[in-house]
Amino acid sequence: MFNRKVLGSAIFAPIIIGSVGLVNLMHQPRFEAYRTVDVVQLLGSGACYGAALVALVLLLRGSRAS
């Protein structure tokens, strides 16, 4: 169904992108006072982590051909 190499990159790429956005947000001095931009950045990081989790589940589940 999916190539393991493709799923491997589908796991690590969103994790790296989400982590960069999250670390960038946490290092800003205004992190305590949430603004709309901060909430959108947190949602984007969460979406990246969600995409990585879905790819990880697909990888661990394996290809089960019917």
C-alpha atoms as a PDB file:
ATOM      1  CA  MET A   1       0.000   0.000   0.000  1.00  0.00           C
ATOM      2  CA  PHE A   2       2.614   2.574   1.109  1.00  0.00           C
ATOM      3  CA  ASN A   3       6.354   2.414   0.678  1.00  0.00           C
ATOM      4  CA  ARG A   4       8.189   2.215   4.034  1.00  0.00           C
ATOM      5  CA  LYS A   5      10.684   4.865   2.912  1.00  0.00           C
ATOM      6  CA  VAL A   6       7.873   7.274   2.089  1.00  0.00           C
ATOM      7  CA  LEU A   7       6.195   6.623   5.435  1.00  0.00           C
ATOM      8  CA  GLY A   8       9.497   7.132   7.237  1.00  0.00           C
ATOM      9  CA  SER A   9       9.873  10.578   5.744  1.00  0.00           C
ATOM     10  CA  ALA A  10       6.171  11.227   6.378  1.00  0.00           C
ATOM     11  CA  ILE A  11       6.841  10.609  10.066  1.00  0.00           C
ATOM     12  CA  PHE A  12      10.021  12.624  10.560  1.00  0.00           C
ATOM     13  CA  ALA A  13       9.368  15.636   8.331  1.00  0.00           C
ATOM     14  CA  PRO A  14       6.217  16.809  10.189  1.00  0.00           C
ATOM     15  CA  ILE A  15       7.847  16.123  13.558  1.00  0.00           C
ATOM     16  CA  ILE A  16      10.813  18.319  12.641  1.00  0.00           C
ATOM     17  CA  ILE A  17       8.614  21.082  11.207  1.00  0.00           C
ATOM     18  CA  GLY A  18       6.262  20.997  14.184  1.00  0.00           C
ATOM     19  CA  SER A  19       9.141  20.988  16.665  1.00  0.00           C
ATOM     20  CA  VAL A  20      10.813  23.974  15.008  1.00  0.00           C
ATOM     21  CA  GLY A  21       7.578  25.957  15.180  1.00  0.00           C
ATOM     22  CA  LEU A  22       6.919  24.974  18.780  1.00  0.00           C
ATOM     23  CA  VAL A  23      10.460  25.741  19.980  1.00  0.00           C
ATOM     24  CA  ASN A  24      10.398  29.060  18.134  1.00  0.00           C
ATOM     25  CA  LEU A  25       7.159  29.988  19.861  1.00  0.00           C
ATOM     26  CA  MET A  26       8.348  28.910  23.318  1.00  0.00           C
ATOM     27  CA  HIS A  27      11.517  31.023  23.097  1.00  0.00           C
ATOM     28  CA  GLN A  28       9.640  34.254  22.506  1.00  0.00           C
ATOM     29  CA  PRO A  29       9.229  36.485  25.570  1.00  0.00           C
ATOM     30  CA  ARG A  30       5.541  37.055  24.867  1.00  0.00           C
ATOM     31  CA  PHE A  31       4.719  33.344  25.105  1.00  0.00           C
ATOM     32  CA  GLU A  32       2.660  33.895  28.268  1.00  0.00           C
ATOM     33  CA  ALA A  33       0.269  36.315  26.526  1.00  0.00           C
ATOM     34  CA  TYR A  34      -1.331  34.334  23.712  1.00  0.00           C
ATOM     35  CA  ARG A  35      -2.133  36.199  20.541  1.00  0.00           C
ATOM     36  CA  THR A  36      -3.968  35.012  17.461  1.00  0.00           C
ATOM     37  CA  VAL A  37      -0.708  34.419  15.614  1.00  0.00           C
ATOM     38  CA  ASP A  38       0.554  32.241  18.472  1.00  0.00           C
ATOM     39  CA  VAL A  39      -2.618  30.159  18.495  1.00  0.00           C
ATOM     40  CA  VAL A  40      -2.380  29.611  14.728  1.00  0.00           C
ATOM     41  CA  GLN A  41       1.265  28.549  15.094  1.00  0.00           C
ATOM     42  CA  LEU A  42       0.332  26.097  17.858  1.00  0.00           C
ATOM     43  CA  LEU A  43      -2.443  24.677  15.681  1.00  0.00           C
ATOM     44  CA  GLY A  44       0.029  24.231  12.822  1.00  0.00           C
ATOM     45  CA  SER A  45       2.480  22.437  15.091  1.00  0.00           C
ATOM     46  CA  GLY A  46      -0.299  20.194  16.356  1.00  0.00           C
ATOM     47  CA  ALA A  47      -1.355  19.389  12.808  1.00  0.00           C
ATOM     48  CA  CYS A  48       2.210  18.386  11.972  1.00  0.00           C
ATOM     49  CA  TYR A  49       2.331  16.103  14.999  1.00  0.00           C
ATOM     50  CA  GLY A  50      -1.032  14.622  14.011  1.00  0.00           C
ATOM     51  CA  ALA A  51       0.158  13.903  10.480  1.00  0.00           C
ATOM     52  CA  ALA A  52       3.271  12.236  11.859  1.00  0.00           C
ATOM     53  CA  LEU A  53       1.161  10.129  14.209  1.00  0.00           C
ATOM     54  CA  VAL A  54      -1.063   8.952  11.353  1.00  0.00           C
ATOM     55  CA  ALA A  55       1.994   8.026   9.278  1.00  0.00           C
ATOM     56  CA  LEU A  56       3.477   6.183  12.265  1.00  0.00           C
ATOM     57  CA  VAL A  57       0.282   4.182  12.756  1.00  0.00           C
ATOM     58  CA  LEU A  58       0.237   3.297   9.049  1.00  0.00           C
ATOM     59  CA  LEU A  59       3.874   2.227   9.254  1.00  0.00           C
ATOM     60  CA  LEU A  60       3.371   0.090  12.342  1.00  0.00           C
ATOM     61  CA  ARG A  61       0.192  -1.429  10.990  1.00  0.00           C
ATOM     62  CA  GLY A  62       2.001  -2.600   7.868  1.00  0.00           C
ATOM     63  CA  SER A  63       0.529  -3.282   4.484  1.00  0.00           C
ATOM     64  CA  ARG A  64      -2.213  -5.849   4.739  1.00  0.00           C
ATOM     65  CA  ALA A  65      -3.264  -6.726   1.249  1.00  0.00           C
ATOM     66  CA  SER A  66      -6.780  -8.067   0.840  1.00  0.00           C
END
